[in-house]
C-alpha atoms as a PDB file:
ATOM      1  CA  MET A   1       4.217   9.832   1.314  1.00  0.00           C
ATOM      2  CA  ASP A   2       7.892  10.493   0.801  1.00  0.00           C
ATOM      3  CA  LEU A   3       8.058  11.694   4.407  1.00  0.00           C
ATOM      4  CA  THR A   4       6.274   8.523   5.535  1.00  0.00           C
ATOM      5  CA  LEU A   5       8.855   6.396   3.738  1.00  0.00           C
ATOM      6  CA  GLN A   6      11.673   8.415   5.311  1.00  0.00           C
ATOM      7  CA  VAL A   7      10.179   7.878   8.770  1.00  0.00           C
ATOM      8  CA  ILE A   8       9.916   4.122   8.162  1.00  0.00           C
ATOM      9  CA  ASP A   9      13.547   4.034   7.039  1.00  0.00           C
ATOM     10  CA  GLN A  10      14.629   5.991  10.109  1.00  0.00           C
ATOM     11  CA  LEU A  11      12.612   3.788  12.481  1.00  0.00           C
ATOM     12  CA  GLU A  12      14.262   0.713  11.033  1.00  0.00           C
ATOM     13  CA  HIS A  13      17.690   2.146  11.801  1.00  0.00           C
ATOM     14  CA  THR A  14      16.600   2.892  15.374  1.00  0.00           C
ATOM     15  CA  TYR A  15      14.516  -0.176  16.286  1.00  0.00           C
ATOM     16  CA  ALA A  16      14.665  -3.900  15.546  1.00  0.00           C
ATOM     17  CA  ILE A  17      11.958  -4.010  12.892  1.00  0.00           C
ATOM     18  CA  ASP A  18      11.714  -7.198  10.868  1.00  0.00           C
ATOM     19  CA  PRO A  19      11.675  -6.115   7.185  1.00  0.00           C
ATOM     20  CA  THR A  20      10.143  -9.454   6.163  1.00  0.00           C
ATOM     21  CA  ARG A  21       6.970  -8.616   8.095  1.00  0.00           C
ATOM     22  CA  ARG A  22       6.197  -5.077   6.900  1.00  0.00           C
ATOM     23  CA  SER A  23       2.625  -4.546   5.757  1.00  0.00           C
ATOM     24  CA  VAL A  24       0.513  -1.533   4.925  1.00  0.00           C
ATOM     25  CA  THR A  25      -3.201  -0.754   4.873  1.00  0.00           C
ATOM     26  CA  GLY A  26      -5.436   2.248   4.413  1.00  0.00           C
ATOM     27  CA  LEU A  27      -9.068   3.228   3.897  1.00  0.00           C
ATOM     28  CA  SER A  28     -10.352   5.533   1.123  1.00  0.00           C
ATOM     29  CA  MET A  29      -7.542   8.075   0.574  1.00  0.00           C
ATOM     30  CA  GLY A  30      -5.441   5.721   2.674  1.00  0.00           C
ATOM     31  CA  GLY A  31      -6.338   2.984   0.188  1.00  0.00           C
ATOM     32  CA  PHE A  32      -4.937   5.159  -2.584  1.00  0.00           C
ATOM     33  CA  GLY A  33      -1.889   5.756  -0.383  1.00  0.00           C
ATOM     34  CA  THR A  34      -1.478   2.018   0.132  1.00  0.00           C
ATOM     35  CA  TRP A  35      -1.423   1.412  -3.618  1.00  0.00           C
ATOM     36  CA  TYR A  36       0.991   4.325  -4.044  1.00  0.00           C
ATOM     37  CA  LEU A  37       3.399   3.034  -1.395  1.00  0.00           C
ATOM     38  CA  ILE A  38       3.575  -0.505  -2.730  1.00  0.00           C
ATOM     39  CA  ALA A  39       4.007   0.814  -6.273  1.00  0.00           C
ATOM     40  CA  LYS A  40       6.741   3.254  -5.238  1.00  0.00           C
ATOM     41  CA  ARG A  41       8.629   0.752  -3.046  1.00  0.00           C
ATOM     42  CA  PRO A  42       7.476  -2.719  -4.156  1.00  0.00           C
ATOM     43  CA  ASP A  43      10.215  -4.493  -2.196  1.00  0.00           C
ATOM     44  CA  MET A  44       9.455  -2.679   1.068  1.00  0.00           C
ATOM     45  CA  PHE A  45       6.155  -4.349   1.968  1.00  0.00           C
ATOM     46  CA  VAL A  46       5.370  -8.063   1.965  1.00  0.00           C
ATOM     47  CA  ALA A  47       1.623  -7.464   2.226  1.00  0.00           C
ATOM     48  CA  ALA A  48      -0.930  -4.761   1.596  1.00  0.00           C
ATOM     49  CA  ALA A  49      -4.648  -4.377   2.298  1.00  0.00           C
ATOM     50  CA  PRO A  50      -6.001  -1.343   0.435  1.00  0.00           C
ATOM     51  CA  ILE A  51      -9.642  -0.561   1.220  1.00  0.00           C
ATOM     52  CA  SER A  52     -11.767   1.546  -1.139  1.00  0.00           C
ATOM     53  CA  GLY A  53      -8.817   3.054  -2.964  1.00  0.00           C
ATOM     54  CA  GLY A  54      -7.378   2.861  -6.442  1.00  0.00           C
ATOM     55  CA  GLY A  55      -4.010   2.174  -7.942  1.00  0.00           C
ATOM     56  CA  ASP A  56      -2.289   2.368 -11.286  1.00  0.00           C
ATOM     57  CA  PRO A  57      -2.420  -0.959 -13.175  1.00  0.00           C
ATOM     58  CA  ARG A  58       0.869  -0.103 -14.915  1.00  0.00           C
ATOM     59  CA  PHE A  59       2.624  -1.170 -11.690  1.00  0.00           C
ATOM     60  CA  ALA A  60       0.949  -4.593 -11.490  1.00  0.00           C
ATOM     61  CA  GLU A  61       4.009  -6.467 -12.739  1.00  0.00           C
ATOM     62  CA  ASP A  62       6.137  -4.892  -9.988  1.00  0.00           C
ATOM     63  CA  LEU A  63       3.685  -6.044  -7.311  1.00  0.00           C
ATOM     64  CA  LYS A  64       3.566  -9.751  -8.099  1.00  0.00           C
ATOM     65  CA  LYS A  65       5.636 -10.600  -4.987  1.00  0.00           C
ATOM     66  CA  THR A  66       3.404  -8.541  -2.672  1.00  0.00           C
ATOM     67  CA  ALA A  67       0.450 -10.274  -1.029  1.00  0.00           C
ATOM     68  CA  ILE A  68      -2.512  -7.970  -1.667  1.00  0.00           C
ATOM     69  CA  TRP A  69      -5.930  -8.311  -0.096  1.00  0.00           C
ATOM     70  CA  ASN A  70      -8.027  -5.614  -1.755  1.00  0.00           C
ATOM     71  CA  PHE A  71     -11.471  -4.507  -0.587  1.00  0.00           C
ATOM     72  CA  HIS A  72     -13.959  -2.263  -2.337  1.00  0.00           C
ATOM     73  CA  GLY A  73     -17.762  -2.223  -2.204  1.00  0.00           C
ATOM     74  CA  ARG A  74     -19.880  -1.675  -5.291  1.00  0.00           C
ATOM     75  CA  PHE A  75     -22.157   0.636  -3.318  1.00  0.00           C
ATOM     76  CA  ASP A  76     -19.301   2.962  -2.321  1.00  0.00           C
ATOM     77  CA  ASP A  77     -20.582   6.435  -3.212  1.00  0.00           C
ATOM     78  CA  THR A  78     -17.306   8.179  -2.344  1.00  0.00           C
ATOM     79  CA  VAL A  79     -14.753   6.270  -4.427  1.00  0.00           C
ATOM     80  CA  ALA A  80     -16.105   4.565  -7.552  1.00  0.00           C
ATOM     81  CA  VAL A  81     -15.222   0.884  -7.919  1.00  0.00           C
ATOM     82  CA  ASP A  82     -14.416   1.326 -11.607  1.00  0.00           C
ATOM     83  CA  LEU A  83     -11.955   4.163 -10.970  1.00  0.00           C
END
């Protein structure tokens, strides 16, 4: 993930990327990665849509400015909803 963040930073120095429109999403392990990224850099993304992943509730206060649309099905047999 640190490499991903470095690539995003480098792309923003190279291209005209609007930092007020950055969003992130991911499914399963990508859902975990989505939660990780917005917890690690809460001011980097304005929106996130984690799908079937889990995050650490200790970072909830830091994420109050991030629009989050979270999805997880109770019949998911790969990643437990109550993780």
